[in-house]
Amino acid sequence: MSLGVRIGAGLRATLTLALMGALTGALVACGGASAGGEYDRGAARESLSTDAGLVLGEFPLRSNGVVDGDTIRVGGLDGSLRLLALDTEETFKSERDRRDYEAGWESYLASRMARTSRPIKVPTPLGEEAKYFARDFFEGVQRVRIERDHPREIRGRFNRFLAYVFVERDGRWVNYNVECVRAGMSPYFTKYGYSRRFHDEFVAAQREARDAQRGIWDPSKQHYTDYDARLAWWDARADFVQAFERDAEGRADFIALTNWDALRRLDALEGEYVTVLATVGEIRQGERGPVRVMLSRRMFSDVPAVFFDPYVLEDSRAREFQGEYVRMRGRVQRWTNPYNGREQLQLRVDQASQVQVPAYTPPGNGDATSADEDAPDDEPTDASPTATPPDPTPSAASAAPPRAPQVTP
């Protein structure tokens, strides 16, 4: 099969069905649209400097701005977009992947799945179809409307704006994120939490796509085969996030590290106990000093949780949940890096009971190597450094040293 040929004769029909669903559904965009005229960078920064609302504004869609099914670029913003609740399959970018695929779909998929015990992210024909769906959806569109899901959730780990993208059709603002799911180009992606604003719309769109066997739900098409397992895992993560947000209501000492103001709020509570929600990143155990569990926030701006007793870390089971959300309660401290003199906030954890892990078992055989948000595959500059440099503490063996034997007098 040649991937140079436009995939799927029914793609235009799929797009038409999606748009019909949008125009007959209740798609509501919060807030008012910006006045006419393009945003320049100064205006964009000014609109993003406040915590006032959910609408970023209207922005010009760049020339060739549709990268794939869940990546677009707009003018006037200093970063690309991560489209919320979407996870389309990957597109073919290398000749090696193309050659491997053309040798046979079954062998191609099996070889990729054999490389990891976790759900795969690899190029597929459905990923190509999602790209063409997006291009058709945005064909002729000059401007798009960008909205947030929550005023404090502005950028992801790789500095991309977390966004819903709307286009105007027949006087209505149509939510592309929802329509992509309705067309079967993506599942309702809840790995980082449920949509706070459009959960019901996403659930209905996914149900409609499954019932109609569109896209990833069409058994005759070439796509990932484990979506039921993925959805169960993602929803378990989203339930854990939702429970934290419910408990955090009205609590200044409950802080999600993905919030844009998380460091400022931690700083204000220096010396106090706080409970944070974060994914477990790299675990650094040097020859001396505490074990440092990096709680993921931004690239080069993670918050370390320090365990002076390595057995407390092992008993907490945090290591088993690398890449997953956990709650940690600890005292906020300020640490000065002896190598460069920079100060860094950290969380001191002294008891295993201060760590709450999810009730589910993460997929795979413990081969998660990172807590990172799914990395962008369109432009490496999304992973540009932020203000805080990496911690110089060297990584060491992943397990605590053997516990000393108990001596009975």
Protein backbone atom coordinates (compact mmCIF):
# COMPACT_ATOMS: atom_id res chain seq x y z
CA MET A 1 0.00 0.00 0.00
CA SER A 2 1.35 3.42 -0.91
CA LEU A 3 0.91 6.09 1.73
CA GLY A 4 1.37 8.79 -0.89
CA VAL A 5 -2.24 8.28 -1.96
CA ARG A 6 -4.85 10.25 -0.04
CA ILE A 7 -6.31 7.86 2.53
CA GLY A 8 -9.92 6.82 2.50
CA ALA A 9 -12.46 7.73 -0.15
CA GLY A 10 -14.98 8.24 2.62
CA LEU A 11 -12.96 10.91 4.41
CA ARG A 12 -14.96 13.81 2.97
CA ALA A 13 -18.15 12.05 4.02
CA THR A 14 -16.74 11.60 7.53
CA LEU A 15 -15.95 15.30 7.74
CA THR A 16 -19.43 16.20 6.52
CA LEU A 17 -21.01 13.97 9.17
CA ALA A 18 -18.87 15.57 11.85
CA LEU A 19 -19.85 19.09 10.84
CA MET A 20 -23.52 18.16 10.66
CA GLY A 21 -23.23 16.86 14.21
CA ALA A 22 -21.59 20.07 15.28
CA LEU A 23 -24.26 22.30 13.80
CA THR A 24 -27.09 20.30 15.33
CA GLY A 25 -25.40 19.87 18.73
CA ALA A 26 -25.03 22.29 21.59
CA LEU A 27 -21.53 23.62 21.06
CA VAL A 28 -21.07 26.69 23.22
CA ALA A 29 -17.96 28.85 23.46
CA CYS A 30 -17.51 30.87 26.65
CA GLY A 31 -16.82 34.59 26.54
CA GLY A 32 -16.87 37.11 23.71
CA ALA A 33 -14.75 37.08 20.59
CA SER A 34 -12.02 39.65 20.24
CA ALA A 35 -12.47 42.70 18.06
CA GLY A 36 -11.39 42.61 14.43
CA GLY A 37 -7.75 42.89 13.45
CA GLU A 38 -4.86 40.49 13.91
CA TYR A 39 -3.19 39.92 17.25
CA ASP A 40 0.40 40.95 17.37
CA ARG A 41 2.72 39.39 19.96
CA GLY A 42 2.33 42.29 22.36
CA ALA A 43 -1.44 42.02 22.34
CA ALA A 44 -1.23 38.26 22.77
CA ARG A 45 1.09 38.57 25.77
CA GLU A 46 -1.17 41.18 27.33
CA SER A 47 -4.22 38.94 26.99
CA LEU A 48 -2.32 36.00 28.49
CA SER A 49 -0.94 37.96 31.44
CA THR A 50 -4.23 37.88 33.32
CA ASP A 51 -6.03 35.05 35.06
CA ALA A 52 -9.39 36.51 34.12
CA GLY A 53 -10.99 34.07 31.72
CA LEU A 54 -11.03 31.17 29.36
CA VAL A 55 -10.93 32.85 25.95
CA LEU A 56 -7.47 33.69 24.65
CA GLY A 57 -8.87 35.33 21.53
CA GLU A 58 -8.93 34.92 17.76
CA PHE A 59 -5.69 34.19 15.93
CA PRO A 60 -4.71 33.76 12.29
CA LEU A 61 -4.16 30.18 11.21
CA ARG A 62 -0.65 29.98 9.81
CA SER A 63 0.04 28.99 6.24
CA ASN A 64 0.42 25.20 6.32
CA GLY A 65 -0.63 25.48 9.96
CA VAL A 66 -2.18 22.02 10.15
CA VAL A 67 0.64 19.66 11.12
CA ASP A 68 -1.42 16.56 11.90
CA GLY A 69 -4.71 15.58 13.50
CA ASP A 70 -3.92 17.09 16.90
CA THR A 71 -1.32 19.76 16.12
CA ILE A 72 -1.93 23.16 14.55
CA ARG A 73 0.00 26.41 14.54
CA VAL A 74 -1.39 29.93 14.75
CA GLY A 75 0.17 33.36 14.46
CA GLY A 76 0.54 35.72 17.41
CA LEU A 77 1.48 33.13 20.05
CA ASP A 78 5.00 32.32 21.20
CA GLY A 79 4.38 28.59 21.22
CA SER A 80 2.44 25.88 19.46
CA LEU A 81 -0.79 24.34 20.72
CA ARG A 82 -1.53 21.07 22.49
CA LEU A 83 -5.12 20.33 21.60
CA LEU A 84 -6.92 19.18 24.71
CA ALA A 85 -8.64 15.78 24.92
CA LEU A 86 -7.11 14.63 21.61
CA ASP A 87 -4.51 11.98 20.86
CA THR A 88 -4.53 11.11 17.18
CA GLU A 89 -2.26 8.36 15.94
CA GLU A 90 1.14 9.33 14.57
CA THR A 91 1.93 10.20 10.96
CA PHE A 92 4.74 8.69 8.89
CA LYS A 93 7.79 10.94 8.97
CA SER A 94 10.68 8.59 8.18
CA GLU A 95 11.40 6.33 5.24
CA ARG A 96 12.26 3.51 7.62
CA ASP A 97 8.79 3.55 9.16
CA ARG A 98 7.24 3.65 5.70
CA ARG A 99 9.30 0.69 4.51
CA ASP A 100 8.52 -1.30 7.64
CA TYR A 101 4.82 -0.62 7.21
CA GLU A 102 4.82 -1.51 3.51
CA ALA A 103 6.35 -4.90 4.40
CA GLY A 104 3.04 -5.76 6.08
CA TRP A 105 0.71 -4.15 8.61
CA GLU A 106 0.48 -7.11 10.99
CA SER A 107 4.25 -7.59 11.24
CA TYR A 108 4.80 -3.82 11.49
CA LEU A 109 2.38 -3.47 14.40
CA ALA A 110 3.68 -6.57 16.17
CA SER A 111 7.29 -5.41 15.94
CA ARG A 112 6.44 -2.01 17.40
CA MET A 113 4.40 -3.51 20.23
CA ALA A 114 7.24 -5.89 21.09
CA ARG A 115 9.52 -2.94 21.92
CA THR A 116 7.58 -1.88 25.02
CA SER A 117 5.08 -3.25 27.49
CA ARG A 118 3.24 0.07 27.49
CA PRO A 119 0.74 1.39 24.91
CA ILE A 120 2.58 2.33 21.74
CA LYS A 121 2.66 5.61 19.83
CA VAL A 122 3.70 4.80 16.26
CA PRO A 123 2.85 5.98 12.74
CA THR A 124 -0.26 4.38 11.27
CA PRO A 125 -2.53 4.88 8.26
CA LEU A 126 -5.18 6.19 10.66
CA GLY A 127 -2.71 8.85 11.78
CA GLU A 128 -2.39 9.92 8.16
CA GLU A 129 -6.17 9.94 7.80
CA ALA A 130 -6.48 12.16 10.87
CA LYS A 131 -4.05 14.63 9.32
CA TYR A 132 -6.14 14.84 6.15
CA PHE A 133 -9.32 15.18 8.21
CA ALA A 134 -7.80 18.18 9.99
CA ARG A 135 -6.68 19.74 6.71
CA ASP A 136 -10.18 19.39 5.31
CA PHE A 137 -11.74 20.75 8.50
CA PHE A 138 -9.58 23.89 8.44
CA GLU A 139 -9.63 24.35 4.65
CA GLY A 140 -10.36 27.98 3.85
CA VAL A 141 -10.22 29.01 7.52
CA GLN A 142 -8.32 32.25 8.09
CA ARG A 143 -8.82 32.74 11.82
CA VAL A 144 -9.48 30.41 14.74
CA ARG A 145 -10.64 31.02 18.26
CA ILE A 146 -8.48 29.63 21.08
CA GLU A 147 -9.90 28.82 24.51
CA ARG A 148 -8.58 27.29 27.71
CA ASP A 149 -10.11 24.57 29.84
CA HIS A 150 -9.23 26.27 33.15
CA PRO A 151 -7.78 29.71 33.96
CA ARG A 152 -4.80 28.17 35.79
CA GLU A 153 -4.04 25.51 33.16
CA ILE A 154 -2.29 27.53 30.46
CA ARG A 155 0.75 25.64 29.17
CA GLY A 156 1.86 22.02 29.18
CA ARG A 157 5.20 20.51 30.07
CA PHE A 158 6.75 21.43 26.74
CA ASN A 159 5.49 25.02 26.95
CA ARG A 160 2.67 24.43 24.48
CA PHE A 161 -0.62 26.23 25.03
CA LEU A 162 -3.36 23.89 26.26
CA ALA A 163 -6.21 24.70 23.95
CA TYR A 164 -9.57 24.09 22.40
CA VAL A 165 -9.73 25.37 18.83
CA PHE A 166 -12.94 26.75 17.36
CA VAL A 167 -13.86 27.72 13.81
CA GLU A 168 -16.88 29.80 12.86
CA ARG A 169 -19.43 28.12 10.60
CA ASP A 170 -22.87 29.52 9.82
CA GLY A 171 -22.68 31.89 12.77
CA ARG A 172 -21.67 29.19 15.28
CA TRP A 173 -18.31 28.47 16.88
CA VAL A 174 -17.55 24.79 16.21
CA ASN A 175 -15.17 22.99 18.59
CA TYR A 176 -12.61 21.13 16.46
CA ASN A 177 -11.48 19.01 19.42
CA VAL A 178 -14.97 17.57 19.84
CA GLU A 179 -15.48 17.09 16.10
CA CYS A 180 -12.19 15.22 15.77
CA VAL A 181 -13.49 12.72 18.34
CA ARG A 182 -16.91 12.59 16.65
CA ALA A 183 -15.22 11.68 13.36
CA GLY A 184 -13.34 8.81 15.01
CA MET A 185 -9.96 10.39 14.39
CA SER A 186 -9.12 10.37 18.11
CA PRO A 187 -10.50 8.86 21.30
CA TYR A 188 -11.59 11.14 24.12
CA PHE A 189 -8.09 11.51 25.58
CA THR A 190 -8.36 11.77 29.37
CA LYS A 191 -4.81 10.81 30.34
CA TYR A 192 -4.24 14.25 31.90
CA GLY A 193 -7.75 14.69 33.25
CA TYR A 194 -11.33 15.00 32.07
CA SER A 195 -12.41 18.05 30.14
CA ARG A 196 -13.87 20.42 32.72
CA ARG A 197 -15.92 22.33 30.17
CA PHE A 198 -16.88 19.85 27.45
CA HIS A 199 -16.86 16.42 29.13
CA ASP A 200 -20.44 15.57 28.14
CA GLU A 201 -19.82 16.65 24.54
CA PHE A 202 -16.70 14.48 24.28
CA VAL A 203 -18.46 11.46 25.80
CA ALA A 204 -21.37 11.83 23.37
CA ALA A 205 -19.05 12.35 20.40
CA GLN A 206 -17.02 9.24 21.22
CA ARG A 207 -20.17 7.17 21.68
CA GLU A 208 -21.45 8.37 18.31
CA ALA A 209 -18.15 7.53 16.60
CA ARG A 210 -18.02 4.05 18.15
CA ASP A 211 -21.62 3.26 17.27
CA ALA A 212 -21.00 4.35 13.67
CA GLN A 213 -17.60 2.58 13.53
CA ARG A 214 -15.78 5.66 12.31
CA GLY A 215 -12.01 5.97 12.14
CA ILE A 216 -10.27 4.21 15.02
CA TRP A 217 -13.51 2.34 15.77
CA ASP A 218 -13.68 0.81 12.27
CA PRO A 219 -12.36 -2.77 12.53
CA SER A 220 -11.47 -2.80 8.83
CA LYS A 221 -8.97 0.07 9.17
CA GLN A 222 -5.34 -0.05 10.26
CA HIS A 223 -4.95 1.54 13.69
CA TYR A 224 -4.05 0.71 17.28
CA THR A 225 -5.94 -2.32 18.58
CA ASP A 226 -5.95 -1.65 22.33
CA TYR A 227 -8.19 1.39 22.76
CA ASP A 228 -10.37 -0.23 25.42
CA ALA A 229 -7.29 -0.78 27.61
CA ARG A 230 -6.05 2.75 26.93
CA LEU A 231 -9.38 4.28 27.84
CA ALA A 232 -9.55 2.32 31.10
CA TRP A 233 -6.06 3.51 32.07
CA TRP A 234 -6.66 7.11 31.05
CA ASP A 235 -9.99 7.29 32.87
CA ALA A 236 -8.40 5.87 36.04
CA ARG A 237 -5.81 8.67 35.88
CA ALA A 238 -8.54 11.24 35.25
CA ASP A 239 -10.53 9.95 38.24
CA PHE A 240 -7.44 10.45 40.43
CA VAL A 241 -7.03 14.03 39.16
CA GLN A 242 -10.71 14.78 39.61
CA ALA A 243 -10.67 13.49 43.21
CA PHE A 244 -7.75 15.79 44.01
CA GLU A 245 -9.48 18.80 42.47
CA ARG A 246 -12.60 18.05 44.48
CA ASP A 247 -10.60 17.82 47.72
CA ALA A 248 -8.65 20.97 46.81
CA GLU A 249 -11.71 23.22 46.61
CA GLY A 250 -11.23 26.07 49.07
CA ARG A 251 -7.84 24.73 50.22
CA ALA A 252 -4.80 26.99 49.72
CA ASP A 253 -2.51 24.12 50.75
CA PHE A 254 -3.63 21.84 47.88
CA ILE A 255 -1.66 22.68 44.74
CA ALA A 256 -1.63 21.05 41.30
CA LEU A 257 1.87 21.56 39.92
CA THR A 258 0.48 22.01 36.40
CA ASN A 259 -1.10 25.32 37.48
CA TRP A 260 0.77 28.31 36.06
CA ASP A 261 1.05 29.89 39.53
CA ALA A 262 2.06 26.71 41.40
CA LEU A 263 5.58 27.90 42.26
CA ARG A 264 4.31 31.25 43.49
CA ARG A 265 1.80 29.50 45.74
CA LEU A 266 4.45 27.12 47.07
CA ASP A 267 6.74 30.05 47.77
CA ALA A 268 4.01 31.76 49.79
CA LEU A 269 3.69 28.63 51.93
CA GLU A 270 7.40 28.10 52.65
CA GLY A 271 7.78 26.26 55.95
CA GLU A 272 4.20 24.97 55.82
CA TYR A 273 2.80 21.58 54.85
CA VAL A 274 1.15 21.34 51.45
CA THR A 275 -0.36 18.57 49.34
CA VAL A 276 0.62 18.57 45.68
CA LEU A 277 -0.66 16.69 42.66
CA ALA A 278 1.96 15.79 40.07
CA THR A 279 3.31 12.98 37.96
CA VAL A 280 6.39 11.16 39.23
CA GLY A 281 9.41 11.89 37.08
CA GLU A 282 13.05 10.95 37.40
CA ILE A 283 14.23 9.54 40.73
CA ARG A 284 17.74 10.72 41.58
CA GLN A 285 19.77 8.89 44.17
CA GLY A 286 23.32 10.12 44.61
CA GLU A 287 26.11 8.69 46.73
CA ARG A 288 25.31 11.20 49.46
CA GLY A 289 22.30 13.20 50.49
CA PRO A 290 18.60 12.48 50.10
CA VAL A 291 16.80 10.71 47.30
CA ARG A 292 15.14 13.31 45.08
CA VAL A 293 11.88 12.43 43.35
CA MET A 294 11.27 14.94 40.59
CA LEU A 295 7.63 15.99 40.45
CA SER A 296 6.88 17.00 36.89
CA ARG A 297 5.87 20.54 36.06
CA ARG A 298 7.75 22.16 33.15
CA MET A 299 10.91 21.17 31.38
CA PHE A 300 13.79 22.14 33.71
CA SER A 301 11.29 23.47 36.27
CA ASP A 302 10.25 20.34 38.13
CA VAL A 303 9.81 20.36 41.90
CA PRO A 304 11.89 17.81 43.86
CA ALA A 305 10.38 15.85 46.71
CA VAL A 306 13.26 14.88 49.01
CA PHE A 307 13.37 11.64 50.99
CA PHE A 308 16.18 11.54 53.54
CA ASP A 309 15.25 7.94 54.36
CA PRO A 310 15.35 5.82 51.18
CA TYR A 311 13.19 3.17 52.84
CA VAL A 312 10.40 5.71 53.23
CA LEU A 313 10.50 6.15 49.46
CA GLU A 314 10.34 2.41 48.85
CA ASP A 315 7.49 1.95 51.32
CA SER A 316 5.56 4.80 49.70
CA ARG A 317 5.48 2.90 46.35
CA ALA A 318 6.12 6.14 44.47
CA ARG A 319 8.77 4.39 42.39
CA GLU A 320 6.14 1.97 41.06
CA PHE A 321 4.18 4.93 39.73
CA GLN A 322 6.78 6.75 37.64
CA GLY A 323 4.90 8.54 34.92
CA GLU A 324 1.65 8.47 36.92
CA TYR A 325 -0.13 11.03 39.08
CA VAL A 326 0.39 10.86 42.85
CA ARG A 327 -0.41 13.08 45.80
CA MET A 328 2.45 14.07 48.07
CA ARG A 329 2.19 15.97 51.32
CA GLY A 330 5.30 17.57 52.72
CA ARG A 331 6.90 20.68 54.14
CA VAL A 332 7.93 23.35 51.63
CA GLN A 333 11.63 24.14 51.97
CA ARG A 334 14.10 26.32 50.11
CA TRP A 335 17.29 24.62 48.95
CA THR A 336 20.41 26.36 47.61
CA ASN A 337 22.21 24.53 44.83
CA PRO A 338 25.89 24.29 45.91
CA TYR A 339 27.06 24.19 42.29
CA ASN A 340 25.54 27.43 41.05
CA GLY A 341 24.07 29.15 44.12
CA ARG A 342 20.53 29.10 42.74
CA GLU A 343 17.65 28.58 45.11
CA GLN A 344 14.98 25.98 44.53
CA LEU A 345 11.79 25.08 46.33
CA GLN A 346 11.46 21.47 47.39
CA LEU A 347 9.05 19.27 49.32
CA ARG A 348 10.38 17.29 52.27
CA VAL A 349 8.67 13.93 52.81
CA ASP A 350 9.44 11.98 56.00
CA GLN A 351 6.77 9.28 56.10
CA ALA A 352 5.42 6.86 53.51
CA SER A 353 1.88 7.82 54.54
CA GLN A 354 2.50 11.29 53.09
CA VAL A 355 2.39 9.76 49.60
CA GLN A 356 -0.91 8.63 48.09
CA VAL A 357 -0.68 6.52 44.94
CA PRO A 358 -3.61 5.53 42.71
CA ALA A 359 -5.55 2.32 43.29
CA TYR A 360 -4.97 1.02 39.74
CA THR A 361 -1.94 -0.83 38.42
CA PRO A 362 -0.10 1.15 35.72
CA PRO A 363 0.31 -0.58 32.36
CA GLY A 364 3.59 -2.20 31.44
CA ASN A 365 6.34 -3.88 33.39
CA GLY A 366 7.82 -0.88 35.12
CA ASP A 367 9.54 0.37 31.99
CA ALA A 368 8.21 3.90 32.26
CA THR A 369 11.23 6.16 32.04
CA SER A 370 9.59 9.54 32.28
CA ALA A 371 6.62 11.40 33.66
CA ASP A 372 6.60 13.73 30.71
CA GLU A 373 3.53 14.92 28.96
CA ASP A 374 3.42 13.24 25.57
CA ALA A 375 6.26 14.93 23.75
CA PRO A 376 5.54 17.09 20.71
CA ASP A 377 6.66 15.58 17.44
CA ASP A 378 6.30 18.68 15.31
CA GLU A 379 8.98 21.05 16.56
CA PRO A 380 11.79 20.52 19.07
CA THR A 381 11.65 24.12 20.27
CA ASP A 382 8.59 23.22 22.34
CA ALA A 383 11.00 21.69 24.81
CA SER A 384 12.97 24.88 25.24
CA PRO A 385 14.46 25.44 28.71
CA THR A 386 12.73 27.52 31.32
CA ALA A 387 14.28 29.53 34.10
CA THR A 388 15.42 26.72 36.39
CA PRO A 389 18.31 24.50 35.21
CA PRO A 390 18.37 20.74 35.72
CA ASP A 391 19.26 19.41 39.15
CA PRO A 392 22.91 18.29 39.10
CA THR A 393 22.32 15.39 41.50
CA PRO A 394 23.57 12.27 39.68
CA SER A 395 21.23 9.38 39.01
CA ALA A 396 22.16 6.06 40.54
CA ALA A 397 20.69 2.61 41.03
CA SER A 398 16.93 2.59 41.02
CA ALA A 399 16.54 0.59 44.20
CA ALA A 400 17.30 1.51 47.77
CA PRO A 401 20.32 -0.16 49.39
CA PRO A 402 19.63 -3.42 51.22
CA ARG A 403 17.95 -2.92 54.56
CA ALA A 404 20.32 -3.71 57.42
CA PRO A 405 19.53 -6.99 59.19
CA GLN A 406 17.83 -6.74 62.57
CA VAL A 407 20.01 -7.94 65.44
CA THR A 408 18.25 -9.58 68.36
CA PRO A 409 20.07 -9.06 71.66
